[in-house]
């Protein structure tokens, strides 16, 4: 069943074309900083706030960050968990994701089995996602024990994505890794999007409006930026990225 947050995202994509989501890493910031970033991002036109990181954070701090975000903005707060420790009862929804190119069954289905009862108990909206580490992969690739798909093998990324779609996942995420030197190349996005009938999310290494435009023009339905929100000129840069993406809609 498609829940309200998923319906909201699908409608935004349908009416606006590519959309932007801001990623907040609770491991790196305080609850008050998370609230400020979320508020600035909402004012700039971001469509939702994702909360999650690649390593571990205390449950209490995660809850504080989510509550601070929820008290500040009216857009959805969506959990982006790296493990069952990334689940908070205070969010609106959670990416219920499987790391499709992990060699560890835990990240394919084990964590999901452990987390599912909690998600049910908390009343969170699960949004099914196939997660694929590409390029450098960063910390997410190391922690998730993923065999990262090289940027020069777009057909392999497409095969992973199509498998996720056929397994019933409703979103696919190409992850270049937090802070990656180079974002997912447009050539890979094009090949993956050509085979998919579900929304494609792209994140990792996107720091400029030019990189965001390249990803959106190649077929990314959702652009995720995270590290850019931690820079001194974060508000301006996020605004420029969002404005550039919205400018593609004709």
C-alpha atoms as a PDB file:
ATOM      1  CA  UNK A   1       0.000   0.000   0.000  1.00  0.00           C
ATOM      2  CA  UNK A   2       1.281   3.452  -0.925  1.00  0.00           C
ATOM      3  CA  UNK A   3       1.305   5.768   2.087  1.00  0.00           C
ATOM      4  CA  UNK A   4       0.886   9.557   2.285  1.00  0.00           C
ATOM      5  CA  UNK A   5       4.602  10.447   2.186  1.00  0.00           C
ATOM      6  CA  UNK A   6       5.219   8.255  -0.843  1.00  0.00           C
ATOM      7  CA  UNK A   7       2.150   9.725  -2.557  1.00  0.00           C
ATOM      8  CA  UNK A   8       3.488  13.192  -1.785  1.00  0.00           C
ATOM      9  CA  UNK A   9       6.883  12.411  -3.344  1.00  0.00           C
ATOM     10  CA  UNK A  10       5.335  10.841  -6.441  1.00  0.00           C
ATOM     11  CA  UNK A  11       3.038  13.818  -6.929  1.00  0.00           C
ATOM     12  CA  UNK A  12       5.933  16.262  -6.524  1.00  0.00           C
ATOM     13  CA  UNK A  13       7.917  14.393  -9.170  1.00  0.00           C
ATOM     14  CA  UNK A  14       4.911  14.289 -11.475  1.00  0.00           C
ATOM     15  CA  UNK A  15       4.190  17.996 -11.217  1.00  0.00           C
ATOM     16  CA  UNK A  16       7.681  19.445 -10.783  1.00  0.00           C
ATOM     17  CA  UNK A  17       9.987  17.018 -12.586  1.00  0.00           C
ATOM     18  CA  UNK A  18      13.182  16.366 -10.632  1.00  0.00           C
ATOM     19  CA  UNK A  19      12.975  17.301  -6.953  1.00  0.00           C
ATOM     20  CA  UNK A  20      15.499  17.852  -4.179  1.00  0.00           C
ATOM     21  CA  UNK A  21      15.800  16.222  -0.767  1.00  0.00           C
ATOM     22  CA  UNK A  22      18.157  17.402   1.965  1.00  0.00           C
ATOM     23  CA  UNK A  23      20.146  14.771   3.870  1.00  0.00           C
ATOM     24  CA  UNK A  24      20.972  15.493   7.501  1.00  0.00           C
ATOM     25  CA  UNK A  25      23.592  13.310   9.199  1.00  0.00           C
ATOM     26  CA  UNK A  26      22.821  13.138  12.946  1.00  0.00           C
ATOM     27  CA  UNK A  27      26.358  11.908  13.639  1.00  0.00           C
ATOM     28  CA  UNK A  28      27.813  15.257  12.604  1.00  0.00           C
ATOM     29  CA  UNK A  29      25.470  17.895  13.999  1.00  0.00           C
ATOM     30  CA  UNK A  30      23.470  18.932  17.033  1.00  0.00           C
ATOM     31  CA  UNK A  31      19.692  18.943  17.154  1.00  0.00           C
ATOM     32  CA  UNK A  32      19.641  22.748  16.947  1.00  0.00           C
ATOM     33  CA  UNK A  33      21.886  22.716  13.859  1.00  0.00           C
ATOM     34  CA  UNK A  34      19.659  20.079  12.270  1.00  0.00           C
ATOM     35  CA  UNK A  35      16.647  22.292  12.899  1.00  0.00           C
ATOM     36  CA  UNK A  36      18.397  25.289  11.294  1.00  0.00           C
ATOM     37  CA  UNK A  37      19.482  23.283   8.239  1.00  0.00           C
ATOM     38  CA  UNK A  38      16.006  21.849   7.795  1.00  0.00           C
ATOM     39  CA  UNK A  39      14.381  25.283   8.057  1.00  0.00           C
ATOM     40  CA  UNK A  40      16.793  26.840   5.553  1.00  0.00           C
ATOM     41  CA  UNK A  41      16.318  23.913   3.190  1.00  0.00           C
ATOM     42  CA  UNK A  42      12.530  24.103   3.362  1.00  0.00           C
ATOM     43  CA  UNK A  43      12.674  27.840   2.658  1.00  0.00           C
ATOM     44  CA  UNK A  44      14.886  27.097  -0.346  1.00  0.00           C
ATOM     45  CA  UNK A  45      12.338  24.645  -1.744  1.00  0.00           C
ATOM     46  CA  UNK A  46      13.603  21.198  -0.729  1.00  0.00           C
ATOM     47  CA  UNK A  47      10.830  18.591  -0.806  1.00  0.00           C
ATOM     48  CA  UNK A  48      11.738  16.524   2.282  1.00  0.00           C
ATOM     49  CA  UNK A  49      14.396  15.985   4.918  1.00  0.00           C
ATOM     50  CA  UNK A  50      16.237  12.666   5.128  1.00  0.00           C
ATOM     51  CA  UNK A  51      17.915  11.764   8.428  1.00  0.00           C
ATOM     52  CA  UNK A  52      20.704   9.207   8.541  1.00  0.00           C
ATOM     53  CA  UNK A  53      24.421   8.483   8.350  1.00  0.00           C
ATOM     54  CA  UNK A  54      26.840   5.699   7.529  1.00  0.00           C
ATOM     55  CA  UNK A  55      27.998   4.785  11.037  1.00  0.00           C
ATOM     56  CA  UNK A  56      26.363   4.785  14.450  1.00  0.00           C
ATOM     57  CA  UNK A  57      24.666   7.418  16.576  1.00  0.00           C
ATOM     58  CA  UNK A  58      22.948   7.180  19.946  1.00  0.00           C
ATOM     59  CA  UNK A  59      19.221   6.531  19.853  1.00  0.00           C
ATOM     60  CA  UNK A  60      18.575   9.475  22.147  1.00  0.00           C
ATOM     61  CA  UNK A  61      20.474  11.879  19.890  1.00  0.00           C
ATOM     62  CA  UNK A  62      18.728  10.563  16.777  1.00  0.00           C
ATOM     63  CA  UNK A  63      15.358  11.106  18.457  1.00  0.00           C
ATOM     64  CA  UNK A  64      16.374  14.639  19.448  1.00  0.00           C
ATOM     65  CA  UNK A  65      17.446  15.457  15.890  1.00  0.00           C
ATOM     66  CA  UNK A  66      14.235  14.114  14.367  1.00  0.00           C
ATOM     67  CA  UNK A  67      12.057  15.922  16.912  1.00  0.00           C
ATOM     68  CA  UNK A  68      13.923  19.174  16.307  1.00  0.00           C
ATOM     69  CA  UNK A  69      13.395  18.862  12.559  1.00  0.00           C
ATOM     70  CA  UNK A  70       9.729  17.945  12.945  1.00  0.00           C
ATOM     71  CA  UNK A  71       9.122  20.961  15.201  1.00  0.00           C
ATOM     72  CA  UNK A  72      10.617  23.299  12.602  1.00  0.00           C
ATOM     73  CA  UNK A  73       9.369  22.237   9.156  1.00  0.00           C
ATOM     74  CA  UNK A  74       6.153  21.086   7.526  1.00  0.00           C
ATOM     75  CA  UNK A  75       7.741  18.827   4.908  1.00  0.00           C
ATOM     76  CA  UNK A  76       8.202  15.079   5.559  1.00  0.00           C
ATOM     77  CA  UNK A  77      11.021  13.758   7.742  1.00  0.00           C
ATOM     78  CA  UNK A  78      12.189  10.457   6.259  1.00  0.00           C
ATOM     79  CA  UNK A  79      14.625   8.134   8.015  1.00  0.00           C
ATOM     80  CA  UNK A  80      17.612   6.927   5.974  1.00  0.00           C
ATOM     81  CA  UNK A  81      18.868   4.155   8.265  1.00  0.00           C
ATOM     82  CA  UNK A  82      22.237   2.418   8.073  1.00  0.00           C
ATOM     83  CA  UNK A  83      21.086  -0.163  10.622  1.00  0.00           C
ATOM     84  CA  UNK A  84      18.274  -0.810  13.091  1.00  0.00           C
ATOM     85  CA  UNK A  85      19.819   1.897  15.288  1.00  0.00           C
ATOM     86  CA  UNK A  86      18.698   4.399  12.635  1.00  0.00           C
ATOM     87  CA  UNK A  87      14.999   3.957  13.472  1.00  0.00           C
ATOM     88  CA  UNK A  88      13.152   6.681  15.372  1.00  0.00           C
ATOM     89  CA  UNK A  89       9.487   6.756  16.300  1.00  0.00           C
ATOM     90  CA  UNK A  90       9.319  10.520  15.701  1.00  0.00           C
ATOM     91  CA  UNK A  91       9.764  10.522  11.893  1.00  0.00           C
ATOM     92  CA  UNK A  92       7.044  10.435   9.255  1.00  0.00           C
ATOM     93  CA  UNK A  93       8.457   7.631   7.130  1.00  0.00           C
ATOM     94  CA  UNK A  94      11.470   5.398   6.596  1.00  0.00           C
ATOM     95  CA  UNK A  95      13.275   4.224   3.498  1.00  0.00           C
ATOM     96  CA  UNK A  96      12.851   0.465   3.858  1.00  0.00           C
ATOM     97  CA  UNK A  97      15.955  -0.347   1.886  1.00  0.00           C
ATOM     98  CA  UNK A  98      18.055  -3.298   0.845  1.00  0.00           C
ATOM     99  CA  UNK A  99      21.701  -2.809  -0.162  1.00  0.00           C
ATOM    100  CA  UNK A 100      21.499  -4.740  -3.415  1.00  0.00           C
ATOM    101  CA  UNK A 101      25.243  -5.133  -3.999  1.00  0.00           C
ATOM    102  CA  UNK A 102      26.269  -6.093  -0.472  1.00  0.00           C
ATOM    103  CA  UNK A 103      28.008  -9.433   0.046  1.00  0.00           C
ATOM    104  CA  UNK A 104      26.623  -9.562   3.586  1.00  0.00           C
ATOM    105  CA  UNK A 105      23.086 -11.021   3.904  1.00  0.00           C
ATOM    106  CA  UNK A 106      22.579  -8.782   6.924  1.00  0.00           C
ATOM    107  CA  UNK A 107      22.369  -5.683   4.718  1.00  0.00           C
ATOM    108  CA  UNK A 108      20.293  -7.474   2.099  1.00  0.00           C
ATOM    109  CA  UNK A 109      17.545  -8.739   4.432  1.00  0.00           C
ATOM    110  CA  UNK A 110      18.805  -9.330   7.994  1.00  0.00           C
ATOM    111  CA  UNK A 111      18.535  -5.769   9.286  1.00  0.00           C
ATOM    112  CA  UNK A 112      15.163  -5.447   7.573  1.00  0.00           C
ATOM    113  CA  UNK A 113      13.809  -8.475   9.431  1.00  0.00           C
ATOM    114  CA  UNK A 114      15.000  -7.045  12.742  1.00  0.00           C
ATOM    115  CA  UNK A 115      13.669  -3.568  11.978  1.00  0.00           C
ATOM    116  CA  UNK A 116      10.268  -4.455  10.538  1.00  0.00           C
ATOM    117  CA  UNK A 117       8.528  -5.063  13.904  1.00  0.00           C
ATOM    118  CA  UNK A 118       9.826  -1.728  15.217  1.00  0.00           C
ATOM    119  CA  UNK A 119       8.573   0.104  12.132  1.00  0.00           C
ATOM    120  CA  UNK A 120       5.169  -1.517  12.627  1.00  0.00           C
ATOM    121  CA  UNK A 121       5.141  -0.679  16.340  1.00  0.00           C
ATOM    122  CA  UNK A 122       6.067   2.976  15.745  1.00  0.00           C
ATOM    123  CA  UNK A 123       3.566   3.429  12.933  1.00  0.00           C
ATOM    124  CA  UNK A 124       6.235   4.630  10.503  1.00  0.00           C
ATOM    125  CA  UNK A 125       5.456   4.610   6.795  1.00  0.00           C
ATOM    126  CA  UNK A 126       7.872   2.192   5.069  1.00  0.00           C
ATOM    127  CA  UNK A 127       8.911   3.168   1.535  1.00  0.00           C
ATOM    128  CA  UNK A 128      10.572   0.304  -0.311  1.00  0.00           C
ATOM    129  CA  UNK A 129      13.953   1.144  -1.869  1.00  0.00           C
ATOM    130  CA  UNK A 130      16.735  -0.686  -3.685  1.00  0.00           C
ATOM    131  CA  UNK A 131      20.051   0.866  -2.603  1.00  0.00           C
ATOM    132  CA  UNK A 132      23.082   0.526  -4.894  1.00  0.00           C
ATOM    133  CA  UNK A 133      26.600   1.681  -4.018  1.00  0.00           C
ATOM    134  CA  UNK A 134      28.500   2.970  -7.059  1.00  0.00           C
ATOM    135  CA  UNK A 135      31.869   4.620  -7.669  1.00  0.00           C
ATOM    136  CA  UNK A 136      33.915   5.307  -4.545  1.00  0.00           C
ATOM    137  CA  UNK A 137      31.059   4.248  -2.284  1.00  0.00           C
ATOM    138  CA  UNK A 138      32.586   5.966   0.739  1.00  0.00           C
ATOM    139  CA  UNK A 139      31.840   4.858   4.281  1.00  0.00           C
ATOM    140  CA  UNK A 140      28.468   3.439   3.269  1.00  0.00           C
ATOM    141  CA  UNK A 141      30.168   0.980   0.939  1.00  0.00           C
ATOM    142  CA  UNK A 142      32.688  -0.123   3.565  1.00  0.00           C
ATOM    143  CA  UNK A 143      30.178  -0.509   6.382  1.00  0.00           C
ATOM    144  CA  UNK A 144      27.667  -2.210   4.097  1.00  0.00           C
ATOM    145  CA  UNK A 145      30.289  -4.578   2.652  1.00  0.00           C
ATOM    146  CA  UNK A 146      29.257  -3.639  -0.860  1.00  0.00           C
ATOM    147  CA  UNK A 147      31.014  -4.533  -4.094  1.00  0.00           C
ATOM    148  CA  UNK A 148      30.762  -1.062  -5.543  1.00  0.00           C
ATOM    149  CA  UNK A 149      29.761  -0.764  -9.194  1.00  0.00           C
ATOM    150  CA  UNK A 150      32.460   1.195 -11.079  1.00  0.00           C
ATOM    151  CA  UNK A 151      31.325   4.350 -12.814  1.00  0.00           C
ATOM    152  CA  UNK A 152      32.482   2.900 -16.147  1.00  0.00           C
ATOM    153  CA  UNK A 153      30.082  -0.073 -15.789  1.00  0.00           C
ATOM    154  CA  UNK A 154      26.665   1.622 -16.089  1.00  0.00           C
ATOM    155  CA  UNK A 155      25.058  -1.509 -17.527  1.00  0.00           C
ATOM    156  CA  UNK A 156      25.913  -3.354 -14.298  1.00  0.00           C
ATOM    157  CA  UNK A 157      24.266  -0.636 -12.213  1.00  0.00           C
ATOM    158  CA  UNK A 158      21.230  -0.865 -14.489  1.00  0.00           C
ATOM    159  CA  UNK A 159      21.024  -4.637 -13.970  1.00  0.00           C
ATOM    160  CA  UNK A 160      21.033  -4.148 -10.193  1.00  0.00           C
ATOM    161  CA  UNK A 161      18.361  -1.461 -10.464  1.00  0.00           C
ATOM    162  CA  UNK A 162      16.120  -3.529 -12.706  1.00  0.00           C
ATOM    163  CA  UNK A 163      16.420  -6.484 -10.335  1.00  0.00           C
ATOM    164  CA  UNK A 164      15.283  -4.212  -7.514  1.00  0.00           C
ATOM    165  CA  UNK A 165      12.289  -3.084  -9.545  1.00  0.00           C
ATOM    166  CA  UNK A 166      11.349  -6.658 -10.398  1.00  0.00           C
ATOM    167  CA  UNK A 167      11.573  -7.579  -6.711  1.00  0.00           C
ATOM    168  CA  UNK A 168       8.902  -4.972  -6.028  1.00  0.00           C
ATOM    169  CA  UNK A 169      10.988  -2.063  -4.755  1.00  0.00           C
ATOM    170  CA  UNK A 170       9.348   1.278  -5.528  1.00  0.00           C
ATOM    171  CA  UNK A 171      12.434   3.522  -5.594  1.00  0.00           C
ATOM    172  CA  UNK A 172      16.059   2.965  -6.638  1.00  0.00           C
ATOM    173  CA  UNK A 173      18.947   4.904  -5.119  1.00  0.00           C
ATOM    174  CA  UNK A 174      22.342   5.258  -6.830  1.00  0.00           C
ATOM    175  CA  UNK A 175      24.764   6.204  -4.045  1.00  0.00           C
ATOM    176  CA  UNK A 176      28.166   7.620  -4.945  1.00  0.00           C
ATOM    177  CA  UNK A 177      29.126   7.935  -1.281  1.00  0.00           C
ATOM    178  CA  UNK A 178      28.987  10.851   1.119  1.00  0.00           C
ATOM    179  CA  UNK A 179      31.637  13.396   0.186  1.00  0.00           C
ATOM    180  CA  UNK A 180      32.644  11.491  -2.955  1.00  0.00           C
ATOM    181  CA  UNK A 181      35.181  13.309  -5.124  1.00  0.00           C
ATOM    182  CA  UNK A 182      32.997  12.777  -8.182  1.00  0.00           C
ATOM    183  CA  UNK A 183      29.198  12.398  -8.288  1.00  0.00           C
ATOM    184  CA  UNK A 184      27.409   9.623 -10.175  1.00  0.00           C
ATOM    185  CA  UNK A 185      28.109  10.358 -13.867  1.00  0.00           C
ATOM    186  CA  UNK A 186      25.224  11.305 -16.166  1.00  0.00           C
ATOM    187  CA  UNK A 187      26.117   8.365 -18.421  1.00  0.00           C
ATOM    188  CA  UNK A 188      25.347   5.890 -15.636  1.00  0.00           C
ATOM    189  CA  UNK A 189      22.144   7.701 -14.676  1.00  0.00           C
ATOM    190  CA  UNK A 190      20.958   7.633 -18.304  1.00  0.00           C
ATOM    191  CA  UNK A 191      21.502   3.902 -18.696  1.00  0.00           C
ATOM    192  CA  UNK A 192      19.815   3.067 -15.385  1.00  0.00           C
ATOM    193  CA  UNK A 193      16.840   5.363 -15.936  1.00  0.00           C
ATOM    194  CA  UNK A 194      16.282   3.963 -19.440  1.00  0.00           C
ATOM    195  CA  UNK A 195      15.397   0.559 -17.949  1.00  0.00           C
ATOM    196  CA  UNK A 196      13.402   1.711 -14.931  1.00  0.00           C
ATOM    197  CA  UNK A 197       9.708   2.414 -14.548  1.00  0.00           C
ATOM    198  CA  UNK A 198      10.073   3.628 -10.948  1.00  0.00           C
ATOM    199  CA  UNK A 199      11.654   6.810  -9.552  1.00  0.00           C
ATOM    200  CA  UNK A 200      15.448   7.064  -9.477  1.00  0.00           C
ATOM    201  CA  UNK A 201      17.255   8.784  -6.598  1.00  0.00           C
ATOM    202  CA  UNK A 202      20.849   9.956  -7.014  1.00  0.00           C
ATOM    203  CA  UNK A 203      23.161  11.172  -4.257  1.00  0.00           C
ATOM    204  CA  UNK A 204      26.772  11.458  -3.225  1.00  0.00           C
ATOM    205  CA  UNK A 205      29.272  14.108  -4.267  1.00  0.00           C
ATOM    206  CA  UNK A 206      26.757  16.612  -5.657  1.00  0.00           C
ATOM    207  CA  UNK A 207      28.036  20.015  -4.568  1.00  0.00           C
ATOM    208  CA  UNK A 208      27.187  22.443  -7.363  1.00  0.00           C
ATOM    209  CA  UNK A 209      24.173  23.460  -9.393  1.00  0.00           C
ATOM    210  CA  UNK A 210      25.944  22.257 -12.544  1.00  0.00           C
ATOM    211  CA  UNK A 211      26.325  18.747 -11.094  1.00  0.00           C
ATOM    212  CA  UNK A 212      22.684  18.753  -9.988  1.00  0.00           C
ATOM    213  CA  UNK A 213      21.522  19.846 -13.443  1.00  0.00           C
ATOM    214  CA  UNK A 214      23.606  17.112 -15.064  1.00  0.00           C
ATOM    215  CA  UNK A 215      22.066  14.437 -12.824  1.00  0.00           C
ATOM    216  CA  UNK A 216      18.498  15.705 -13.265  1.00  0.00           C
ATOM    217  CA  UNK A 217      18.890  16.091 -17.030  1.00  0.00           C
ATOM    218  CA  UNK A 218      20.145  12.507 -17.251  1.00  0.00           C
ATOM    219  CA  UNK A 219      17.002  11.195 -15.543  1.00  0.00           C
ATOM    220  CA  UNK A 220      17.375  11.476 -11.755  1.00  0.00           C
ATOM    221  CA  UNK A 221      13.918  12.022 -10.262  1.00  0.00           C
ATOM    222  CA  UNK A 222      15.279  12.937  -6.836  1.00  0.00           C
ATOM    223  CA  UNK A 223      18.594  14.693  -6.140  1.00  0.00           C
ATOM    224  CA  UNK A 224      19.979  14.254  -2.612  1.00  0.00           C
ATOM    225  CA  UNK A 225      22.596  16.589  -1.157  1.00  0.00           C
ATOM    226  CA  UNK A 226      24.075  16.315   2.301  1.00  0.00           C
ATOM    227  CA  UNK A 227      27.624  17.563   2.811  1.00  0.00           C
ATOM    228  CA  UNK A 228      26.884  20.833   1.044  1.00  0.00           C
ATOM    229  CA  UNK A 229      24.590  21.763   3.944  1.00  0.00           C
ATOM    230  CA  UNK A 230      27.609  21.782   6.275  1.00  0.00           C
ATOM    231  CA  UNK A 231      29.535  24.505   4.417  1.00  0.00           C
ATOM    232  CA  UNK A 232      29.680  28.171   5.400  1.00  0.00           C
ATOM    233  CA  UNK A 233      27.650  29.202   2.349  1.00  0.00           C
ATOM    234  CA  UNK A 234      25.271  26.243   2.651  1.00  0.00           C
ATOM    235  CA  UNK A 235      22.031  28.214   2.411  1.00  0.00           C
ATOM    236  CA  UNK A 236      23.058  29.918  -0.816  1.00  0.00           C
ATOM    237  CA  UNK A 237      24.439  26.748  -2.411  1.00  0.00           C
ATOM    238  CA  UNK A 238      21.374  24.656  -1.576  1.00  0.00           C
ATOM    239  CA  UNK A 239      19.126  27.421  -2.897  1.00  0.00           C
ATOM    240  CA  UNK A 240      21.113  27.537  -6.145  1.00  0.00           C
ATOM    241  CA  UNK A 241      20.936  23.753  -6.572  1.00  0.00           C
ATOM    242  CA  UNK A 242      17.184  23.643  -5.973  1.00  0.00           C
ATOM    243  CA  UNK A 243      16.521  26.633  -8.226  1.00  0.00           C
ATOM    244  CA  UNK A 244      18.596  25.010 -10.973  1.00  0.00           C
ATOM    245  CA  UNK A 245      16.670  21.743 -10.730  1.00  0.00           C
ATOM    246  CA  UNK A 246      13.316  23.513 -10.756  1.00  0.00           C
ATOM    247  CA  UNK A 247      14.446  25.531 -13.779  1.00  0.00           C
ATOM    248  CA  UNK A 248      14.583  22.345 -15.843  1.00  0.00           C
ATOM    249  CA  UNK A 249      10.809  21.912 -15.645  1.00  0.00           C
ATOM    250  CA  UNK A 250       9.075  23.242 -18.752  1.00  0.00           C
END
